[in-house]
């Protein structure tokens, strides 16, 4: 499961970068929220 999350996180960051996003930040919320694992800003 962890590998799938990391793969998905990398895919989302890569897709954002391809759409000209910059200063992409990934917040790890696994220990703070039951609703989500990561926020990508």
PDB file of N, CA and C in Angstrom:
ATOM      1  N   UNK A   1       0.823  -1.201   0.000  1.00  0.00           N
ATOM      2  CA  UNK A   1       0.000   0.000   0.000  1.00  0.00           C
ATOM      3  C   UNK A   1       0.863   1.259   0.000  1.00  0.00           C
ATOM      4  N   UNK A   2       1.921   1.252   0.790  1.00  0.00           N
ATOM      5  CA  UNK A   2       2.803   2.427   0.862  1.00  0.00           C
ATOM      6  C   UNK A   2       3.417   2.703  -0.508  1.00  0.00           C
ATOM      7  N   UNK A   3       3.835   1.652  -1.220  1.00  0.00           N
ATOM      8  CA  UNK A   3       4.422   1.852  -2.543  1.00  0.00           C
ATOM      9  C   UNK A   3       3.413   2.483  -3.497  1.00  0.00           C
ATOM     10  N   UNK A   4       2.161   2.058  -3.414  1.00  0.00           N
ATOM     11  CA  UNK A   4       1.135   2.637  -4.276  1.00  0.00           C
ATOM     12  C   UNK A   4       0.920   4.113  -3.957  1.00  0.00           C
ATOM     13  N   UNK A   5       0.935   4.455  -2.672  1.00  0.00           N
ATOM     14  CA  UNK A   5       0.785   5.860  -2.288  1.00  0.00           C
ATOM     15  C   UNK A   5       1.943   6.696  -2.801  1.00  0.00           C
ATOM     16  N   UNK A   6       3.154   6.183  -2.655  1.00  0.00           N
ATOM     17  CA  UNK A   6       4.326   6.927  -3.128  1.00  0.00           C
ATOM     18  C   UNK A   6       4.308   7.063  -4.645  1.00  0.00           C
ATOM     19  N   UNK A   7       3.896   6.000  -5.345  1.00  0.00           N
ATOM     20  CA  UNK A   7       3.800   6.067  -6.804  1.00  0.00           C
ATOM     21  C   UNK A   7       2.754   7.088  -7.234  1.00  0.00           C
ATOM     22  N   UNK A   8       1.617   7.086  -6.557  1.00  0.00           N
ATOM     23  CA  UNK A   8       0.557   8.039  -6.880  1.00  0.00           C
ATOM     24  C   UNK A   8       1.000   9.465  -6.588  1.00  0.00           C
ATOM     25  N   UNK A   9       1.684   9.656  -5.470  1.00  0.00           N
ATOM     26  CA  UNK A   9       2.187  10.984  -5.105  1.00  0.00           C
ATOM     27  C   UNK A   9       3.156  11.488  -6.176  1.00  0.00           C
ATOM     28  N   UNK A  10       4.061  10.641  -6.619  1.00  0.00           N
ATOM     29  CA  UNK A  10       5.016  11.033  -7.662  1.00  0.00           C
ATOM     30  C   UNK A  10       4.299  11.358  -8.966  1.00  0.00           C
ATOM     31  N   UNK A  11       3.279  10.574  -9.304  1.00  0.00           N
ATOM     32  CA  UNK A  11       2.522  10.807 -10.528  1.00  0.00           C
ATOM     33  C   UNK A  11       1.806  12.156 -10.493  1.00  0.00           C
ATOM     34  N   UNK A  12       1.204  12.481  -9.364  1.00  0.00           N
ATOM     35  CA  UNK A  12       0.488  13.753  -9.223  1.00  0.00           C
ATOM     36  C   UNK A  12       1.455  14.931  -9.318  1.00  0.00           C
ATOM     37  N   UNK A  13       2.595  14.826  -8.656  1.00  0.00           N
ATOM     38  CA  UNK A  13       3.591  15.901  -8.701  1.00  0.00           C
ATOM     39  C   UNK A  13       4.126  16.063 -10.123  1.00  0.00           C
ATOM     40  N   UNK A  14       4.388  14.953 -10.797  1.00  0.00           N
ATOM     41  CA  UNK A  14       4.885  15.011 -12.170  1.00  0.00           C
ATOM     42  C   UNK A  14       3.841  15.642 -13.099  1.00  0.00           C
ATOM     43  N   UNK A  15       2.587  15.267 -12.937  1.00  0.00           N
ATOM     44  CA  UNK A  15       1.520  15.837 -13.770  1.00  0.00           C
ATOM     45  C   UNK A  15       1.390  17.339 -13.535  1.00  0.00           C
ATOM     46  N   UNK A  16       1.485  17.760 -12.291  1.00  0.00           N
ATOM     47  CA  UNK A  16       1.410  19.194 -11.987  1.00  0.00           C
ATOM     48  C   UNK A  16       2.588  19.935 -12.615  1.00  0.00           C
ATOM     49  N   UNK A  17       3.765  19.350 -12.539  1.00  0.00           N
ATOM     50  CA  UNK A  17       4.952  19.983 -13.123  1.00  0.00           C
ATOM     51  C   UNK A  17       4.818  20.096 -14.642  1.00  0.00           C
ATOM     52  N   UNK A  18       4.237  19.091 -15.269  1.00  0.00           N
ATOM     53  CA  UNK A  18       4.036  19.134 -16.717  1.00  0.00           C
ATOM     54  C   UNK A  18       3.036  20.215 -17.117  1.00  0.00           C
ATOM     55  N   UNK A  19       2.153  20.588 -16.209  1.00  0.00           N
ATOM     56  CA  UNK A  19       1.190  21.658 -16.468  1.00  0.00           C
ATOM     57  C   UNK A  19       1.733  23.014 -16.019  1.00  0.00           C
ATOM     58  N   UNK A  20       3.052  23.074 -15.856  1.00  0.00           N
ATOM     59  CA  UNK A  20       3.782  24.307 -15.530  1.00  0.00           C
ATOM     60  C   UNK A  20       3.597  24.775 -14.093  1.00  0.00           C
ATOM     61  N   UNK A  21       3.260  23.860 -13.194  1.00  0.00           N
ATOM     62  CA  UNK A  21       3.223  24.209 -11.776  1.00  0.00           C
ATOM     63  C   UNK A  21       4.661  24.399 -11.293  1.00  0.00           C
ATOM     64  N   UNK A  22       4.840  25.214 -10.277  1.00  0.00           N
ATOM     65  CA  UNK A  22       6.173  25.410  -9.720  1.00  0.00           C
ATOM     66  C   UNK A  22       6.063  25.481  -8.210  1.00  0.00           C
ATOM     67  N   UNK A  23       7.172  25.287  -7.537  1.00  0.00           N
ATOM     68  CA  UNK A  23       7.207  25.258  -6.069  1.00  0.00           C
ATOM     69  C   UNK A  23       6.163  24.290  -5.498  1.00  0.00           C
ATOM     70  N   UNK A  24       6.117  23.096  -6.063  1.00  0.00           N
ATOM     71  CA  UNK A  24       5.149  22.084  -5.638  1.00  0.00           C
ATOM     72  C   UNK A  24       5.543  21.577  -4.252  1.00  0.00           C
ATOM     73  N   UNK A  25       4.579  21.571  -3.362  1.00  0.00           N
ATOM     74  CA  UNK A  25       4.804  21.113  -1.989  1.00  0.00           C
ATOM     75  C   UNK A  25       3.858  19.957  -1.710  1.00  0.00           C
ATOM     76  N   UNK A  26       4.386  18.885  -1.120  1.00  0.00           N
ATOM     77  CA  UNK A  26       3.568  17.744  -0.724  1.00  0.00           C
ATOM     78  C   UNK A  26       3.572  17.671   0.797  1.00  0.00           C
ATOM     79  N   UNK A  27       2.385  17.779   1.382  1.00  0.00           N
ATOM     80  CA  UNK A  27       2.248  17.691   2.831  1.00  0.00           C
ATOM     81  C   UNK A  27       1.786  16.285   3.200  1.00  0.00           C
ATOM     82  N   UNK A  28       2.511  15.634   4.084  1.00  0.00           N
ATOM     83  CA  UNK A  28       2.168  14.296   4.558  1.00  0.00           C
ATOM     84  C   UNK A  28       1.229  14.435   5.755  1.00  0.00           C
ATOM     85  N   UNK A  29      -0.020  14.045   5.572  1.00  0.00           N
ATOM     86  CA  UNK A  29      -1.031  14.197   6.616  1.00  0.00           C
ATOM     87  C   UNK A  29      -1.490  12.854   7.178  1.00  0.00           C
ATOM     88  N   UNK A  30      -0.758  11.795   6.894  1.00  0.00           N
ATOM     89  CA  UNK A  30      -1.187  10.460   7.324  1.00  0.00           C
ATOM     90  C   UNK A  30      -1.373  10.356   8.828  1.00  0.00           C
ATOM     91  N   UNK A  31      -0.549  11.022   9.612  1.00  0.00           N
ATOM     92  CA  UNK A  31      -0.651  10.935  11.070  1.00  0.00           C
ATOM     93  C   UNK A  31      -1.588  11.988  11.659  1.00  0.00           C
ATOM     94  N   UNK A  32      -2.065  12.914  10.836  1.00  0.00           N
ATOM     95  CA  UNK A  32      -2.882  14.026  11.336  1.00  0.00           C
ATOM     96  C   UNK A  32      -4.337  13.968  10.900  1.00  0.00           C
ATOM     97  N   UNK A  33      -4.626  13.217   9.853  1.00  0.00           N
ATOM     98  CA  UNK A  33      -5.980  13.232   9.312  1.00  0.00           C
ATOM     99  C   UNK A  33      -6.407  11.835   8.883  1.00  0.00           C
ATOM    100  N   UNK A  34      -7.652  11.500   9.164  1.00  0.00           N
ATOM    101  CA  UNK A  34      -8.220  10.251   8.667  1.00  0.00           C
ATOM    102  C   UNK A  34      -8.833  10.440   7.285  1.00  0.00           C
ATOM    103  N   UNK A  35      -8.980  11.681   6.874  1.00  0.00           N
ATOM    104  CA  UNK A  35      -9.648  11.996   5.628  1.00  0.00           C
ATOM    105  C   UNK A  35      -8.728  11.895   4.409  1.00  0.00           C
ATOM    106  N   UNK A  36      -7.464  12.229   4.575  1.00  0.00           N
ATOM    107  CA  UNK A  36      -6.536  12.237   3.448  1.00  0.00           C
ATOM    108  C   UNK A  36      -5.140  11.841   3.905  1.00  0.00           C
ATOM    109  N   UNK A  37      -4.322  11.395   2.955  1.00  0.00           N
ATOM    110  CA  UNK A  37      -2.945  11.027   3.257  1.00  0.00           C
ATOM    111  C   UNK A  37      -1.977  12.149   2.915  1.00  0.00           C
ATOM    112  N   UNK A  38      -2.206  12.798   1.759  1.00  0.00           N
ATOM    113  CA  UNK A  38      -1.311  13.854   1.297  1.00  0.00           C
ATOM    114  C   UNK A  38      -2.113  15.018   0.735  1.00  0.00           C
ATOM    115  N   UNK A  39      -1.576  16.214   0.881  1.00  0.00           N
ATOM    116  CA  UNK A  39      -2.048  17.396   0.167  1.00  0.00           C
ATOM    117  C   UNK A  39      -0.917  17.818  -0.756  1.00  0.00           C
ATOM    118  N   UNK A  40      -1.251  18.091  -2.001  1.00  0.00           N
ATOM    119  CA  UNK A  40      -0.274  18.611  -2.959  1.00  0.00           C
ATOM    120  C   UNK A  40      -0.664  20.049  -3.228  1.00  0.00           C
ATOM    121  N   UNK A  41       0.264  20.939  -2.928  1.00  0.00           N
ATOM    122  CA  UNK A  41       0.016  22.374  -3.096  1.00  0.00           C
ATOM    123  C   UNK A  41       0.933  22.897  -4.182  1.00  0.00           C
TER     124      UNK A  41
END
